Protein backbone atom coordinates (compact mmCIF):
# COMPACT_ATOMS: atom_id res chain seq x y z
CA GLN A 1 -4.35 -15.24 -11.72
CA VAL A 2 -3.58 -11.83 -10.22
CA GLN A 3 -0.44 -10.98 -8.30
CA LEU A 4 0.43 -7.96 -6.18
CA VAL A 5 4.13 -7.56 -5.47
CA GLU A 6 5.37 -4.99 -2.96
CA SER A 7 8.85 -3.56 -2.73
CA GLY A 8 10.69 -0.82 -0.91
CA GLY A 9 10.42 -1.76 2.73
CA GLY A 10 13.38 -1.72 5.07
CA LEU A 11 15.01 -0.21 8.12
CA VAL A 12 15.19 3.54 8.58
CA GLN A 13 15.87 5.92 11.43
CA ALA A 14 13.13 8.06 12.90
CA GLY A 15 12.60 11.14 10.76
CA GLY A 16 13.70 9.34 7.63
CA SER A 17 11.81 8.38 4.48
CA LEU A 18 10.90 5.26 2.57
CA ARG A 19 8.96 4.69 -0.62
CA LEU A 20 6.86 1.57 -1.05
CA SER A 21 5.78 0.35 -4.46
CA CYS A 22 3.29 -2.27 -5.56
CA ALA A 23 2.81 -3.73 -9.02
CA VAL A 24 -0.35 -5.57 -10.00
CA SER A 25 -0.15 -8.13 -12.77
CA GLY A 26 -2.19 -10.97 -14.23
CA SER A 27 -5.65 -11.39 -15.68
CA ILE A 28 -6.93 -7.92 -14.82
CA VAL A 29 -9.97 -6.32 -16.39
CA SER A 30 -9.83 -3.14 -14.35
CA ILE A 31 -8.71 -1.85 -10.96
CA ASN A 32 -10.94 0.27 -8.77
CA ALA A 33 -9.44 1.53 -5.52
CA MET A 34 -5.89 0.67 -4.49
CA GLY A 35 -4.43 1.09 -1.09
CA TRP A 36 -1.92 0.38 1.62
CA TYR A 37 -2.67 -1.25 4.94
CA ARG A 38 -0.44 -2.20 7.82
CA GLN A 39 -0.49 -4.78 10.54
CA ALA A 40 1.55 -5.43 13.66
CA PRO A 41 1.77 -8.90 15.22
CA GLY A 42 -1.38 -9.69 17.17
CA LYS A 43 -3.22 -6.64 15.90
CA GLN A 44 -5.84 -6.05 13.24
CA ARG A 45 -4.82 -4.85 9.82
CA GLU A 46 -5.48 -1.12 9.55
CA LEU A 47 -5.91 1.27 6.69
CA VAL A 48 -3.00 3.57 5.89
CA ALA A 49 -4.12 5.19 2.64
CA THR A 50 -6.33 4.52 -0.36
CA ILE A 51 -6.65 6.02 -3.81
CA THR A 52 -9.45 5.63 -6.33
CA SER A 53 -8.99 5.18 -10.05
CA GLY A 54 -9.86 8.84 -10.39
CA GLY A 55 -7.16 9.90 -7.95
CA SER A 56 -9.19 10.66 -4.84
CA THR A 57 -7.22 9.84 -1.72
CA ASN A 58 -7.98 8.94 1.87
CA TYR A 59 -5.50 8.72 4.74
CA ALA A 60 -5.48 7.47 8.29
CA ASP A 61 -5.26 10.40 10.71
CA SER A 62 -1.96 9.08 12.03
CA VAL A 63 -0.21 9.50 8.67
CA LYS A 64 -1.84 12.63 7.26
CA GLY A 65 0.73 15.18 6.22
CA ARG A 66 3.55 12.62 6.29
CA PHE A 67 2.53 9.94 3.77
CA THR A 68 1.47 10.37 0.16
CA ILE A 69 -0.21 7.71 -1.96
CA SER A 70 -0.07 7.78 -5.74
CA ARG A 71 -0.86 5.43 -8.60
CA ASP A 72 -0.10 4.92 -12.26
CA ASN A 73 -3.21 3.52 -13.93
CA ALA A 74 -1.36 2.70 -17.15
CA LYS A 75 1.17 0.56 -15.30
CA ASN A 76 -1.18 -0.82 -12.61
CA THR A 77 1.09 0.37 -9.85
CA VAL A 78 0.56 2.15 -6.56
CA ALA A 79 3.18 3.81 -4.38
CA LEU A 80 3.36 5.14 -0.85
CA GLN A 81 5.87 7.87 -0.05
CA MET A 82 6.50 7.88 3.68
CA ASN A 83 8.25 10.87 5.21
CA SER A 84 8.99 11.88 8.79
CA LEU A 85 8.75 8.27 9.84
CA LYS A 86 8.16 7.42 13.49
CA PRO A 87 8.90 4.24 15.43
CA GLU A 88 5.16 3.66 15.69
CA ASP A 89 5.04 3.32 11.89
CA THR A 90 6.89 0.03 12.25
CA ASP A 91 4.67 -2.68 10.76
CA VAL A 92 4.23 -5.00 7.84
CA TYR A 93 2.69 -2.99 5.01
CA TYR A 94 0.30 -4.66 2.57
CA CYS A 95 -0.79 -3.52 -0.86
CA ASN A 96 -4.46 -3.94 -1.74
CA ALA A 97 -6.40 -3.68 -4.98
CA ASP A 98 -10.16 -3.80 -5.50
CA LEU A 99 -10.23 -5.21 -8.99
CA TRP A 100 -12.10 -7.06 -11.71
CA SER A 101 -10.37 -10.20 -12.93
CA TRP A 102 -11.07 -12.37 -15.95
CA GLY A 103 -12.90 -15.44 -14.73
CA LYS A 104 -13.09 -14.42 -11.09
CA GLY A 105 -15.11 -11.23 -11.21
CA ARG A 106 -14.62 -8.49 -8.65
CA TYR A 107 -12.64 -9.11 -5.50
CA ASP A 108 -10.02 -7.73 -3.11
CA SER A 109 -6.49 -8.84 -3.86
CA TRP A 110 -3.58 -8.54 -1.41
CA GLY A 111 0.17 -8.59 -1.63
CA ARG A 112 2.33 -10.61 0.72
CA GLY A 113 3.53 -7.59 2.64
CA THR A 114 6.78 -5.73 3.14
CA GLN A 115 8.38 -4.97 6.49
CA VAL A 116 8.98 -1.37 7.52
CA THR A 117 11.05 -0.83 10.65
CA VAL A 118 11.71 2.62 12.08
CA SER A 119 14.38 2.86 14.76
CA SER A 120 14.38 5.56 17.40
């Protein structure tokens, strides 16, 4: 069984910074892309940033220049450094991994989410 555990969410004032981390553990063969998504109540989950195993990154236009995604392939972790936070960044942030698992093959795995709240 594979688990994704996020940490680092919280409450911050506008203009501040937070760093989210996600650790992937369990019966992993390999991890392809990893990423962060966010979702507000009643809205669809949206992409924030993704990173391939080779380090190529992709960002939502709304976070470009403010957020930075990184990963440590040896430790199966992914992080999201969020700077210059805005109230509209308030959401639940979810970690995602496109991975190969022993016995289950390839699938998308999700964490339970961590709340980020930015006050104005």
